[in-house]
Amino acid sequence: MKVLILLFFYLFTTMLFSEEHNTVFFNIKSKIEIPDDFRDGVEEALTKRGKTFIDKETQEEALKQQSEQQKTECYKDSCVIQVGQMFAANSIVLLKVQKKNNKLYKFKISLINVETGNRISTISIYYKDKLNNYERLNKFGKNLVFKIFPLSCEDGYTIIDNQCVNKKEIMCKAINIPRHAKAIKDMVEVSYNGKRWEEPSECEWECKKNYD
């Protein structure tokens, strides 16, 4: 009973703030046990994309309650969509994992419109490693989210490492540096003008020790 009360409270608060926070219901449909490192990567990437998400425990409890009401396992897409609607989620991300062999898994991820139930986009990507490579699996989860929620930058910005930037540091131009001299600072800041990056400035230099 206590779990149900907490669930209803979570549903109520989620409905109040879902529009403002762009809530995503992320569900993994797989008979294969996927390490939590993958989901951690997914959740971190969703946060970077400005999304909020329903935590795993709350989702599982809601799916369990829905299964008990329907007297069948909540495995079909239609059932998961109903649960997503209960949370007033803005979008649902469904992931299906298929094992090909011990070092090859097919991850099929779909973005679904909660109101219509229609698929907005579907992407299939192969994970070519064992599932106990936790660091790589975590990064793989992030990349899946970045593909299903592509980044859109304002004018004057470009994308580097899944972030919108208009400045970066690169190596200065090592031009006309005398013998027995060295660059004071190797890296200089350059700006992006909306079409291309500006050229780096020449390196400032100083004489090496024991040279004037």
N, C-alpha and C. Protein backbone atom coordinates (compact mmCIF):
# COMPACT_ATOMS: atom_id res chain seq x y z
N MET A 1 0.83 -1.21 0.00
CA MET A 1 0.00 0.00 0.00
C MET A 1 0.87 1.26 0.00
N LYS A 2 1.94 1.20 0.78
CA LYS A 2 2.84 2.34 0.85
C LYS A 2 3.47 2.62 -0.51
N VAL A 3 3.82 1.54 -1.23
CA VAL A 3 4.41 1.70 -2.56
C VAL A 3 3.43 2.36 -3.51
N LEU A 4 2.16 1.97 -3.43
CA LEU A 4 1.14 2.56 -4.30
C LEU A 4 0.96 4.05 -4.03
N ILE A 5 0.96 4.42 -2.76
CA ILE A 5 0.80 5.83 -2.39
C ILE A 5 1.96 6.64 -2.96
N LEU A 6 3.17 6.11 -2.81
CA LEU A 6 4.35 6.81 -3.35
C LEU A 6 4.28 6.91 -4.87
N LEU A 7 3.78 5.86 -5.51
CA LEU A 7 3.66 5.85 -6.96
C LEU A 7 2.67 6.91 -7.43
N PHE A 8 1.51 6.97 -6.78
CA PHE A 8 0.50 7.97 -7.15
C PHE A 8 1.01 9.38 -6.92
N PHE A 9 1.75 9.59 -5.83
CA PHE A 9 2.34 10.91 -5.57
C PHE A 9 3.33 11.26 -6.67
N TYR A 10 4.13 10.28 -7.09
CA TYR A 10 5.11 10.54 -8.15
C TYR A 10 4.39 10.87 -9.44
N LEU A 11 3.31 10.13 -9.74
CA LEU A 11 2.54 10.41 -10.95
C LEU A 11 1.98 11.82 -10.93
N PHE A 12 1.45 12.24 -9.79
CA PHE A 12 0.84 13.56 -9.68
C PHE A 12 1.86 14.66 -9.89
N THR A 13 3.02 14.54 -9.22
CA THR A 13 4.04 15.58 -9.35
C THR A 13 4.63 15.59 -10.75
N THR A 14 4.76 14.41 -11.37
CA THR A 14 5.29 14.34 -12.73
C THR A 14 4.37 15.03 -13.71
N MET A 15 3.07 14.84 -13.55
CA MET A 15 2.09 15.48 -14.44
C MET A 15 2.14 17.00 -14.32
N LEU A 16 2.43 17.49 -13.13
CA LEU A 16 2.48 18.94 -12.92
C LEU A 16 3.65 19.57 -13.65
N PHE A 17 4.78 18.86 -13.71
CA PHE A 17 6.01 19.46 -14.21
C PHE A 17 6.51 18.87 -15.52
N SER A 18 5.80 17.92 -16.11
CA SER A 18 6.31 17.24 -17.30
C SER A 18 6.46 18.16 -18.48
N GLU A 19 5.51 19.08 -18.68
CA GLU A 19 5.58 19.97 -19.83
C GLU A 19 6.80 20.89 -19.73
N GLU A 20 7.05 21.39 -18.55
CA GLU A 20 8.17 22.31 -18.37
C GLU A 20 9.50 21.59 -18.52
N HIS A 21 9.59 20.35 -18.05
CA HIS A 21 10.87 19.66 -18.00
C HIS A 21 11.07 18.66 -19.14
N ASN A 22 10.07 18.48 -20.03
CA ASN A 22 10.23 17.59 -21.18
C ASN A 22 10.60 16.18 -20.72
N THR A 23 9.66 15.52 -20.09
CA THR A 23 9.90 14.22 -19.47
C THR A 23 9.93 13.09 -20.49
N VAL A 24 10.90 12.19 -20.32
CA VAL A 24 11.05 11.03 -21.19
C VAL A 24 10.82 9.75 -20.38
N PHE A 25 10.00 8.86 -20.94
CA PHE A 25 9.79 7.54 -20.35
C PHE A 25 10.68 6.58 -21.14
N PHE A 26 11.75 6.11 -20.51
CA PHE A 26 12.71 5.24 -21.19
C PHE A 26 12.53 3.81 -20.71
N ASN A 27 12.24 2.90 -21.66
CA ASN A 27 11.95 1.53 -21.29
C ASN A 27 12.80 0.55 -22.11
N ILE A 28 13.44 -0.38 -21.41
CA ILE A 28 14.24 -1.41 -22.06
C ILE A 28 13.44 -2.71 -22.11
N LYS A 29 13.19 -3.19 -23.32
CA LYS A 29 12.45 -4.45 -23.50
C LYS A 29 13.46 -5.49 -23.97
N SER A 30 13.93 -6.29 -23.04
CA SER A 30 14.95 -7.28 -23.39
C SER A 30 14.92 -8.44 -22.40
N LYS A 31 15.06 -9.63 -22.93
CA LYS A 31 15.18 -10.82 -22.08
C LYS A 31 16.62 -11.00 -21.62
N ILE A 32 17.51 -10.19 -22.20
CA ILE A 32 18.92 -10.19 -21.80
C ILE A 32 19.10 -9.16 -20.69
N GLU A 33 19.81 -9.52 -19.66
CA GLU A 33 20.07 -8.57 -18.58
C GLU A 33 21.15 -7.58 -19.02
N ILE A 34 20.77 -6.32 -19.09
CA ILE A 34 21.69 -5.27 -19.50
C ILE A 34 22.23 -4.58 -18.25
N PRO A 35 23.55 -4.54 -18.07
CA PRO A 35 24.13 -3.88 -16.88
C PRO A 35 23.63 -2.45 -16.72
N ASP A 36 23.52 -2.00 -15.48
CA ASP A 36 23.02 -0.66 -15.19
C ASP A 36 23.92 0.43 -15.74
N ASP A 37 25.17 0.09 -16.07
CA ASP A 37 26.08 1.09 -16.64
C ASP A 37 25.52 1.67 -17.93
N PHE A 38 24.81 0.84 -18.69
CA PHE A 38 24.19 1.31 -19.93
C PHE A 38 23.12 2.35 -19.63
N ARG A 39 22.24 2.04 -18.69
CA ARG A 39 21.17 2.97 -18.34
C ARG A 39 21.74 4.25 -17.73
N ASP A 40 22.81 4.12 -16.96
CA ASP A 40 23.45 5.31 -16.38
C ASP A 40 23.90 6.25 -17.50
N GLY A 41 24.46 5.68 -18.55
CA GLY A 41 24.88 6.49 -19.69
C GLY A 41 23.71 7.16 -20.38
N VAL A 42 22.62 6.41 -20.53
CA VAL A 42 21.41 6.94 -21.15
C VAL A 42 20.87 8.11 -20.34
N GLU A 43 20.78 7.94 -19.03
CA GLU A 43 20.21 8.99 -18.18
C GLU A 43 21.09 10.23 -18.16
N GLU A 44 22.41 10.04 -18.17
CA GLU A 44 23.33 11.18 -18.21
C GLU A 44 23.16 11.96 -19.51
N ALA A 45 23.01 11.23 -20.61
CA ALA A 45 22.84 11.88 -21.91
C ALA A 45 21.50 12.60 -22.00
N LEU A 46 20.45 12.01 -21.44
CA LEU A 46 19.14 12.67 -21.43
C LEU A 46 19.22 14.00 -20.66
N THR A 47 19.95 14.00 -19.56
CA THR A 47 20.12 15.22 -18.78
C THR A 47 20.85 16.28 -19.59
N LYS A 48 21.88 15.87 -20.34
CA LYS A 48 22.62 16.81 -21.17
C LYS A 48 21.74 17.38 -22.28
N ARG A 49 20.74 16.63 -22.70
CA ARG A 49 19.81 17.10 -23.72
C ARG A 49 18.66 17.90 -23.13
N GLY A 50 18.71 18.18 -21.82
CA GLY A 50 17.68 18.99 -21.18
C GLY A 50 16.40 18.23 -20.89
N LYS A 51 16.51 16.88 -20.78
CA LYS A 51 15.33 16.06 -20.50
C LYS A 51 15.33 15.62 -19.04
N THR A 52 14.13 15.37 -18.53
CA THR A 52 14.01 14.67 -17.26
C THR A 52 13.49 13.27 -17.56
N PHE A 53 13.64 12.36 -16.62
CA PHE A 53 13.25 10.98 -16.87
C PHE A 53 12.68 10.36 -15.61
N ILE A 54 11.85 9.33 -15.82
CA ILE A 54 11.29 8.59 -14.69
C ILE A 54 12.29 7.53 -14.29
N ASP A 55 12.63 7.45 -13.01
CA ASP A 55 13.66 6.51 -12.58
C ASP A 55 13.21 5.06 -12.77
N LYS A 56 14.19 4.18 -12.82
CA LYS A 56 13.96 2.77 -13.13
C LYS A 56 12.99 2.10 -12.16
N GLU A 57 13.16 2.32 -10.87
CA GLU A 57 12.33 1.67 -9.86
C GLU A 57 10.86 2.08 -10.00
N THR A 58 10.62 3.37 -10.23
CA THR A 58 9.24 3.85 -10.38
C THR A 58 8.60 3.28 -11.64
N GLN A 59 9.37 3.20 -12.72
CA GLN A 59 8.86 2.61 -13.96
C GLN A 59 8.47 1.16 -13.75
N GLU A 60 9.36 0.40 -13.11
CA GLU A 60 9.09 -1.02 -12.91
C GLU A 60 7.85 -1.23 -12.07
N GLU A 61 7.66 -0.40 -11.06
CA GLU A 61 6.47 -0.53 -10.21
C GLU A 61 5.21 -0.21 -11.01
N ALA A 62 5.26 0.83 -11.84
CA ALA A 62 4.11 1.20 -12.67
C ALA A 62 3.78 0.12 -13.68
N LEU A 63 4.80 -0.45 -14.30
CA LEU A 63 4.58 -1.54 -15.27
C LEU A 63 4.00 -2.78 -14.57
N LYS A 64 4.46 -3.02 -13.35
CA LYS A 64 3.94 -4.14 -12.57
C LYS A 64 2.45 -3.95 -12.27
N GLN A 65 2.09 -2.73 -11.84
CA GLN A 65 0.68 -2.44 -11.54
C GLN A 65 -0.18 -2.57 -12.79
N GLN A 66 0.35 -2.10 -13.92
CA GLN A 66 -0.39 -2.20 -15.18
C GLN A 66 -0.58 -3.66 -15.58
N SER A 67 0.43 -4.48 -15.36
CA SER A 67 0.35 -5.91 -15.68
C SER A 67 -0.71 -6.59 -14.84
N GLU A 68 -0.77 -6.22 -13.57
CA GLU A 68 -1.77 -6.83 -12.67
C GLU A 68 -3.18 -6.43 -13.07
N GLN A 69 -3.35 -5.20 -13.52
CA GLN A 69 -4.68 -4.76 -13.97
C GLN A 69 -5.11 -5.47 -15.24
N GLN A 70 -4.18 -5.65 -16.17
CA GLN A 70 -4.49 -6.28 -17.45
C GLN A 70 -4.37 -7.80 -17.38
N LYS A 71 -3.83 -8.29 -16.26
CA LYS A 71 -3.64 -9.73 -16.05
C LYS A 71 -2.77 -10.35 -17.13
N THR A 72 -1.82 -9.60 -17.60
CA THR A 72 -0.84 -10.08 -18.57
C THR A 72 0.39 -9.19 -18.48
N GLU A 73 1.53 -9.73 -18.85
CA GLU A 73 2.77 -8.97 -18.74
C GLU A 73 2.72 -7.73 -19.64
N CYS A 74 3.15 -6.60 -19.09
CA CYS A 74 3.13 -5.33 -19.84
C CYS A 74 4.37 -5.27 -20.72
N TYR A 75 4.31 -6.05 -21.81
CA TYR A 75 5.48 -6.15 -22.69
C TYR A 75 5.22 -5.52 -24.06
N LYS A 76 3.96 -5.48 -24.46
CA LYS A 76 3.63 -4.90 -25.77
C LYS A 76 3.84 -3.38 -25.75
N ASP A 77 4.12 -2.84 -26.92
CA ASP A 77 4.35 -1.40 -27.02
C ASP A 77 3.14 -0.61 -26.52
N SER A 78 1.95 -1.08 -26.84
CA SER A 78 0.72 -0.37 -26.47
C SER A 78 0.60 -0.23 -24.96
N CYS A 79 1.01 -1.27 -24.24
CA CYS A 79 0.94 -1.23 -22.77
C CYS A 79 1.95 -0.24 -22.21
N VAL A 80 3.16 -0.26 -22.74
CA VAL A 80 4.20 0.67 -22.29
C VAL A 80 3.79 2.11 -22.57
N ILE A 81 3.15 2.33 -23.71
CA ILE A 81 2.68 3.67 -24.07
C ILE A 81 1.62 4.14 -23.07
N GLN A 82 0.74 3.24 -22.65
CA GLN A 82 -0.28 3.59 -21.66
C GLN A 82 0.36 4.04 -20.35
N VAL A 83 1.41 3.33 -19.94
CA VAL A 83 2.10 3.69 -18.70
C VAL A 83 2.80 5.04 -18.87
N GLY A 84 3.39 5.27 -20.04
CA GLY A 84 4.01 6.56 -20.31
C GLY A 84 3.00 7.69 -20.24
N GLN A 85 1.78 7.43 -20.72
CA GLN A 85 0.72 8.43 -20.66
C GLN A 85 0.30 8.69 -19.21
N MET A 86 0.35 7.65 -18.37
CA MET A 86 0.04 7.83 -16.95
C MET A 86 0.98 8.84 -16.31
N PHE A 87 2.24 8.83 -16.73
CA PHE A 87 3.23 9.75 -16.19
C PHE A 87 3.21 11.10 -16.90
N ALA A 88 2.31 11.25 -17.89
CA ALA A 88 2.25 12.48 -18.69
C ALA A 88 3.60 12.79 -19.31
N ALA A 89 4.29 11.73 -19.74
CA ALA A 89 5.60 11.91 -20.38
C ALA A 89 5.40 12.60 -21.72
N ASN A 90 6.39 13.39 -22.13
CA ASN A 90 6.34 14.05 -23.43
C ASN A 90 6.70 13.12 -24.56
N SER A 91 7.56 12.16 -24.26
CA SER A 91 7.97 11.19 -25.27
C SER A 91 8.36 9.88 -24.60
N ILE A 92 8.29 8.81 -25.38
CA ILE A 92 8.67 7.49 -24.90
C ILE A 92 9.80 6.97 -25.77
N VAL A 93 10.82 6.44 -25.12
CA VAL A 93 11.93 5.83 -25.83
C VAL A 93 11.93 4.34 -25.50
N LEU A 94 11.68 3.52 -26.52
CA LEU A 94 11.66 2.07 -26.35
C LEU A 94 12.95 1.47 -26.91
N LEU A 95 13.55 0.59 -26.15
CA LEU A 95 14.78 -0.06 -26.59
C LEU A 95 14.59 -1.57 -26.58
N LYS A 96 14.89 -2.20 -27.70
CA LYS A 96 14.86 -3.66 -27.80
C LYS A 96 16.28 -4.14 -28.10
N VAL A 97 16.71 -5.15 -27.36
CA VAL A 97 18.07 -5.68 -27.52
C VAL A 97 17.99 -7.13 -27.98
N GLN A 98 18.72 -7.43 -29.02
CA GLN A 98 18.77 -8.79 -29.57
C GLN A 98 20.21 -9.29 -29.59
N LYS A 99 20.44 -10.42 -28.98
CA LYS A 99 21.78 -10.99 -28.94
C LYS A 99 22.06 -11.78 -30.20
N LYS A 100 23.17 -11.46 -30.87
CA LYS A 100 23.60 -12.20 -32.05
C LYS A 100 24.63 -13.26 -31.65
N ASN A 101 25.61 -12.83 -30.86
CA ASN A 101 26.56 -13.74 -30.24
C ASN A 101 27.14 -13.02 -29.02
N ASN A 102 28.15 -13.59 -28.40
CA ASN A 102 28.67 -13.02 -27.15
C ASN A 102 29.34 -11.66 -27.33
N LYS A 103 29.66 -11.30 -28.57
CA LYS A 103 30.29 -10.02 -28.83
C LYS A 103 29.55 -9.20 -29.88
N LEU A 104 28.28 -9.49 -30.05
CA LEU A 104 27.49 -8.73 -31.03
C LEU A 104 26.03 -8.67 -30.58
N TYR A 105 25.56 -7.44 -30.33
CA TYR A 105 24.19 -7.21 -29.89
C TYR A 105 23.56 -6.12 -30.74
N LYS A 106 22.32 -6.34 -31.12
CA LYS A 106 21.59 -5.34 -31.89
C LYS A 106 20.71 -4.51 -30.96
N PHE A 107 20.95 -3.22 -30.92
CA PHE A 107 20.15 -2.29 -30.11
C PHE A 107 19.23 -1.52 -31.06
N LYS A 108 17.94 -1.71 -30.91
CA LYS A 108 16.95 -1.00 -31.73
C LYS A 108 16.19 -0.03 -30.83
N ILE A 109 16.36 1.27 -31.09
CA ILE A 109 15.77 2.30 -30.23
C ILE A 109 14.75 3.11 -31.03
N SER A 110 13.57 3.30 -30.43
CA SER A 110 12.48 4.02 -31.11
C SER A 110 12.00 5.18 -30.24
N LEU A 111 11.77 6.32 -30.89
CA LEU A 111 11.20 7.48 -30.23
C LEU A 111 9.73 7.54 -30.60
N ILE A 112 8.85 7.55 -29.59
CA ILE A 112 7.40 7.46 -29.82
C ILE A 112 6.70 8.69 -29.29
N ASN A 113 5.76 9.19 -30.07
CA ASN A 113 4.91 10.29 -29.65
C ASN A 113 3.87 9.75 -28.67
N VAL A 114 3.84 10.30 -27.46
CA VAL A 114 2.96 9.78 -26.42
C VAL A 114 1.48 9.94 -26.79
N GLU A 115 1.12 11.08 -27.36
CA GLU A 115 -0.28 11.36 -27.65
C GLU A 115 -0.84 10.47 -28.74
N THR A 116 -0.06 10.26 -29.81
CA THR A 116 -0.55 9.49 -30.95
C THR A 116 -0.12 8.03 -30.94
N GLY A 117 0.96 7.74 -30.23
CA GLY A 117 1.49 6.39 -30.23
C GLY A 117 2.32 6.08 -31.47
N ASN A 118 2.51 7.09 -32.34
CA ASN A 118 3.27 6.88 -33.58
C ASN A 118 4.76 6.99 -33.32
N ARG A 119 5.52 6.22 -34.10
CA ARG A 119 6.97 6.30 -34.02
C ARG A 119 7.48 7.52 -34.77
N ILE A 120 8.28 8.34 -34.09
CA ILE A 120 8.87 9.52 -34.72
C ILE A 120 10.13 9.12 -35.46
N SER A 121 10.92 8.25 -34.85
CA SER A 121 12.14 7.77 -35.50
C SER A 121 12.57 6.46 -34.86
N THR A 122 13.30 5.66 -35.63
CA THR A 122 13.82 4.38 -35.16
C THR A 122 15.26 4.22 -35.66
N ILE A 123 16.14 3.82 -34.76
CA ILE A 123 17.54 3.64 -35.11
C ILE A 123 18.01 2.27 -34.61
N SER A 124 18.73 1.55 -35.46
CA SER A 124 19.33 0.27 -35.06
C SER A 124 20.84 0.38 -35.13
N ILE A 125 21.51 0.04 -34.04
CA ILE A 125 22.96 0.11 -33.96
C ILE A 125 23.48 -1.18 -33.30
N TYR A 126 24.60 -1.66 -33.81
CA TYR A 126 25.19 -2.88 -33.26
C TYR A 126 26.27 -2.54 -32.23
N TYR A 127 26.18 -3.22 -31.10
CA TYR A 127 27.20 -3.10 -30.05
C TYR A 127 28.14 -4.29 -30.21
N LYS A 128 29.40 -4.02 -30.53
CA LYS A 128 30.35 -5.09 -30.87
C LYS A 128 31.35 -5.31 -29.74
N ASP A 129 30.85 -5.88 -28.67
CA ASP A 129 31.72 -6.19 -27.53
C ASP A 129 30.90 -7.00 -26.51
N LYS A 130 31.58 -7.50 -25.49
CA LYS A 130 30.87 -8.17 -24.41
C LYS A 130 30.17 -7.14 -23.54
N LEU A 131 29.08 -7.55 -22.91
CA LEU A 131 28.30 -6.61 -22.09
C LEU A 131 29.01 -6.27 -20.78
N ASN A 132 30.06 -7.00 -20.45
CA ASN A 132 30.78 -6.66 -19.21
C ASN A 132 31.89 -5.64 -19.43
N ASN A 133 31.95 -5.09 -20.65
CA ASN A 133 32.84 -3.93 -20.87
C ASN A 133 32.03 -2.70 -20.48
N TYR A 134 31.99 -2.44 -19.18
CA TYR A 134 31.05 -1.48 -18.62
C TYR A 134 31.30 -0.05 -19.09
N GLU A 135 32.55 0.33 -19.21
CA GLU A 135 32.86 1.69 -19.64
C GLU A 135 32.39 1.94 -21.07
N ARG A 136 32.64 0.98 -21.94
CA ARG A 136 32.22 1.12 -23.34
C ARG A 136 30.70 1.08 -23.44
N LEU A 137 30.06 0.24 -22.63
CA LEU A 137 28.60 0.13 -22.64
C LEU A 137 27.97 1.43 -22.19
N ASN A 138 28.56 2.08 -21.20
CA ASN A 138 28.08 3.37 -20.71
C ASN A 138 28.14 4.42 -21.82
N LYS A 139 29.26 4.47 -22.51
CA LYS A 139 29.43 5.43 -23.61
C LYS A 139 28.48 5.12 -24.76
N PHE A 140 28.25 3.84 -25.01
CA PHE A 140 27.32 3.41 -26.06
C PHE A 140 25.90 3.92 -25.76
N GLY A 141 25.50 3.84 -24.49
CA GLY A 141 24.18 4.34 -24.09
C GLY A 141 24.03 5.83 -24.34
N LYS A 142 25.10 6.59 -24.04
CA LYS A 142 25.08 8.03 -24.30
C LYS A 142 24.90 8.32 -25.79
N ASN A 143 25.67 7.60 -26.61
CA ASN A 143 25.63 7.85 -28.05
C ASN A 143 24.27 7.53 -28.65
N LEU A 144 23.59 6.51 -28.11
CA LEU A 144 22.25 6.18 -28.59
C LEU A 144 21.29 7.35 -28.37
N VAL A 145 21.36 7.94 -27.18
CA VAL A 145 20.49 9.08 -26.87
C VAL A 145 20.82 10.26 -27.77
N PHE A 146 22.11 10.53 -27.98
CA PHE A 146 22.51 11.65 -28.83
C PHE A 146 22.02 11.47 -30.26
N LYS A 147 21.88 10.22 -30.70
CA LYS A 147 21.38 9.97 -32.05
C LYS A 147 19.87 10.12 -32.14
N ILE A 148 19.17 9.69 -31.10
CA ILE A 148 17.70 9.77 -31.13
C ILE A 148 17.20 11.18 -30.81
N PHE A 149 18.02 11.95 -30.06
CA PHE A 149 17.73 13.35 -29.77
C PHE A 149 18.89 14.20 -30.30
N PRO A 150 18.99 14.39 -31.61
CA PRO A 150 20.11 15.15 -32.18
C PRO A 150 20.14 16.59 -31.67
N LEU A 151 21.34 17.10 -31.53
CA LEU A 151 21.53 18.45 -31.01
C LEU A 151 21.32 19.49 -32.10
N SER A 152 20.65 20.55 -31.75
CA SER A 152 20.43 21.68 -32.67
C SER A 152 20.99 22.94 -32.02
N CYS A 153 21.97 23.56 -32.68
CA CYS A 153 22.64 24.72 -32.10
C CYS A 153 22.10 26.04 -32.65
N GLU A 154 22.25 27.10 -31.86
CA GLU A 154 21.88 28.44 -32.31
C GLU A 154 22.86 28.90 -33.39
N ASP A 155 22.46 29.93 -34.13
CA ASP A 155 23.35 30.49 -35.15
C ASP A 155 24.66 30.95 -34.50
N GLY A 156 25.75 30.70 -35.19
CA GLY A 156 27.05 31.10 -34.66
C GLY A 156 27.71 30.05 -33.80
N TYR A 157 27.06 28.89 -33.65
CA TYR A 157 27.61 27.79 -32.87
C TYR A 157 27.73 26.55 -33.74
N THR A 158 28.60 25.65 -33.35
CA THR A 158 28.74 24.37 -34.02
C THR A 158 28.86 23.27 -32.97
N ILE A 159 28.82 22.01 -33.41
CA ILE A 159 28.81 20.89 -32.47
C ILE A 159 30.19 20.26 -32.34
N ILE A 160 30.66 20.16 -31.10
CA ILE A 160 31.88 19.42 -30.78
C ILE A 160 31.60 18.59 -29.54
N ASP A 161 31.83 17.29 -29.64
CA ASP A 161 31.61 16.38 -28.50
C ASP A 161 30.20 16.53 -27.94
N ASN A 162 29.22 16.64 -28.86
CA ASN A 162 27.80 16.73 -28.48
C ASN A 162 27.50 17.95 -27.62
N GLN A 163 28.22 19.04 -27.88
CA GLN A 163 27.95 20.31 -27.21
C GLN A 163 28.01 21.43 -28.23
N CYS A 164 27.17 22.44 -28.05
CA CYS A 164 27.20 23.62 -28.93
C CYS A 164 28.28 24.57 -28.42
N VAL A 165 29.23 24.88 -29.28
CA VAL A 165 30.33 25.75 -28.88
C VAL A 165 30.62 26.77 -29.98
N ASN A 166 31.21 27.89 -29.59
CA ASN A 166 31.69 28.86 -30.59
C ASN A 166 33.13 29.29 -30.30
N LYS A 167 33.75 28.60 -29.33
CA LYS A 167 35.16 28.84 -29.02
C LYS A 167 35.82 27.51 -28.69
N LYS A 168 37.10 27.41 -29.00
CA LYS A 168 37.88 26.23 -28.63
C LYS A 168 39.35 26.61 -28.61
N GLU A 169 40.17 25.74 -28.03
CA GLU A 169 41.61 25.96 -27.99
C GLU A 169 42.29 25.00 -28.94
N ILE A 170 43.23 25.53 -29.75
CA ILE A 170 44.03 24.72 -30.66
C ILE A 170 45.48 25.17 -30.60
N MET A 171 46.35 24.43 -31.26
CA MET A 171 47.77 24.78 -31.25
C MET A 171 48.01 26.09 -31.99
N CYS A 172 48.87 26.92 -31.43
CA CYS A 172 49.24 28.17 -32.11
C CYS A 172 50.14 27.85 -33.31
N LYS A 173 50.30 28.83 -34.18
CA LYS A 173 51.15 28.64 -35.35
C LYS A 173 52.62 28.86 -34.97
N ALA A 174 53.41 27.82 -35.12
CA ALA A 174 54.83 27.92 -34.78
C ALA A 174 55.60 28.49 -35.96
N ILE A 175 55.49 29.81 -36.13
CA ILE A 175 56.12 30.50 -37.26
C ILE A 175 57.16 31.50 -36.73
N ASN A 176 58.31 31.53 -37.38
CA ASN A 176 59.38 32.49 -37.05
C ASN A 176 59.85 32.41 -35.61
N ILE A 177 59.80 31.22 -35.04
CA ILE A 177 60.36 31.05 -33.69
C ILE A 177 61.86 30.81 -33.84
N PRO A 178 62.69 31.66 -33.28
CA PRO A 178 64.14 31.52 -33.45
C PRO A 178 64.68 30.23 -32.84
N ARG A 179 65.85 29.89 -33.28
CA ARG A 179 66.54 28.75 -32.69
C ARG A 179 66.81 29.04 -31.21
N HIS A 180 66.74 28.03 -30.40
CA HIS A 180 66.94 28.14 -28.94
C HIS A 180 65.83 28.96 -28.27
N ALA A 181 64.66 28.97 -28.93
CA ALA A 181 63.48 29.63 -28.32
C ALA A 181 62.35 28.62 -28.23
N LYS A 182 61.35 28.94 -27.46
CA LYS A 182 60.20 28.05 -27.29
C LYS A 182 58.93 28.86 -27.14
N ALA A 183 57.81 28.24 -27.47
CA ALA A 183 56.51 28.90 -27.34
C ALA A 183 56.17 29.10 -25.86
N ILE A 184 55.70 30.28 -25.53
CA ILE A 184 55.29 30.56 -24.14
C ILE A 184 54.03 29.77 -23.80
N LYS A 185 53.12 29.69 -24.77
CA LYS A 185 51.87 28.97 -24.58
C LYS A 185 51.52 28.28 -25.89
N ASP A 186 51.39 26.95 -25.84
CA ASP A 186 51.14 26.18 -27.06
C ASP A 186 49.71 26.37 -27.59
N MET A 187 48.76 26.49 -26.69
CA MET A 187 47.35 26.54 -27.08
C MET A 187 46.83 27.98 -27.08
N VAL A 188 46.03 28.30 -28.11
CA VAL A 188 45.38 29.61 -28.19
C VAL A 188 43.90 29.41 -28.48
N GLU A 189 43.11 30.39 -28.08
CA GLU A 189 41.67 30.31 -28.29
C GLU A 189 41.29 30.86 -29.66
N VAL A 190 40.40 30.15 -30.36
CA VAL A 190 39.89 30.62 -31.64
C VAL A 190 38.37 30.62 -31.58
N SER A 191 37.74 31.42 -32.43
CA SER A 191 36.28 31.56 -32.44
C SER A 191 35.69 31.01 -33.74
N TYR A 192 34.43 30.64 -33.66
CA TYR A 192 33.68 30.15 -34.81
C TYR A 192 32.77 31.28 -35.29
N ASN A 193 32.80 31.58 -36.59
CA ASN A 193 32.02 32.71 -37.11
C ASN A 193 30.69 32.33 -37.74
N GLY A 194 30.29 31.07 -37.53
CA GLY A 194 29.03 30.61 -38.11
C GLY A 194 29.23 29.77 -39.36
N LYS A 195 30.43 29.89 -39.96
CA LYS A 195 30.74 29.10 -41.16
C LYS A 195 32.04 28.33 -40.99
N ARG A 196 33.01 28.96 -40.37
CA ARG A 196 34.31 28.31 -40.21
C ARG A 196 35.02 28.85 -38.96
N TRP A 197 36.05 28.10 -38.57
CA TRP A 197 36.88 28.52 -37.44
C TRP A 197 37.95 29.50 -37.91
N GLU A 198 38.24 30.50 -37.08
CA GLU A 198 39.30 31.44 -37.43
C GLU A 198 40.66 30.77 -37.32
N GLU A 199 41.63 31.32 -38.00
CA GLU A 199 42.98 30.78 -37.96
C GLU A 199 43.62 31.10 -36.61
N PRO A 200 44.44 30.18 -36.10
CA PRO A 200 45.11 30.46 -34.82
C PRO A 200 46.18 31.53 -34.99
N SER A 201 46.45 32.25 -33.94
CA SER A 201 47.51 33.26 -33.98
C SER A 201 48.88 32.61 -33.90
N GLU A 202 49.92 33.39 -34.23
CA GLU A 202 51.27 32.87 -34.12
C GLU A 202 51.66 32.72 -32.65
N CYS A 203 52.51 31.78 -32.40
CA CYS A 203 52.93 31.51 -31.02
C CYS A 203 53.80 32.65 -30.48
N GLU A 204 53.53 33.07 -29.28
CA GLU A 204 54.44 33.96 -28.59
C GLU A 204 55.59 33.10 -28.06
N TRP A 205 56.79 33.64 -28.13
CA TRP A 205 57.94 32.81 -27.75
C TRP A 205 58.86 33.53 -26.78
N GLU A 206 59.72 32.75 -26.19
CA GLU A 206 60.74 33.26 -25.28
C GLU A 206 61.99 32.40 -25.43
N CYS A 207 63.12 32.94 -25.05
CA CYS A 207 64.38 32.20 -25.15
C CYS A 207 64.42 31.08 -24.12
N LYS A 208 65.04 30.00 -24.53
CA LYS A 208 65.21 28.90 -23.60
C LYS A 208 66.21 29.30 -22.51
N LYS A 209 66.27 28.51 -21.46
CA LYS A 209 67.16 28.80 -20.34
C LYS A 209 68.62 28.86 -20.82
N ASN A 210 69.34 29.85 -20.30
CA ASN A 210 70.75 30.08 -20.63
C ASN A 210 70.96 30.72 -22.00
N TYR A 211 69.83 31.20 -22.61
CA TYR A 211 69.94 31.93 -23.89
C TYR A 211 69.25 33.28 -23.73
N ASP A 212 69.84 34.30 -24.36
CA ASP A 212 69.26 35.65 -24.32
C ASP A 212 68.61 35.97 -25.67
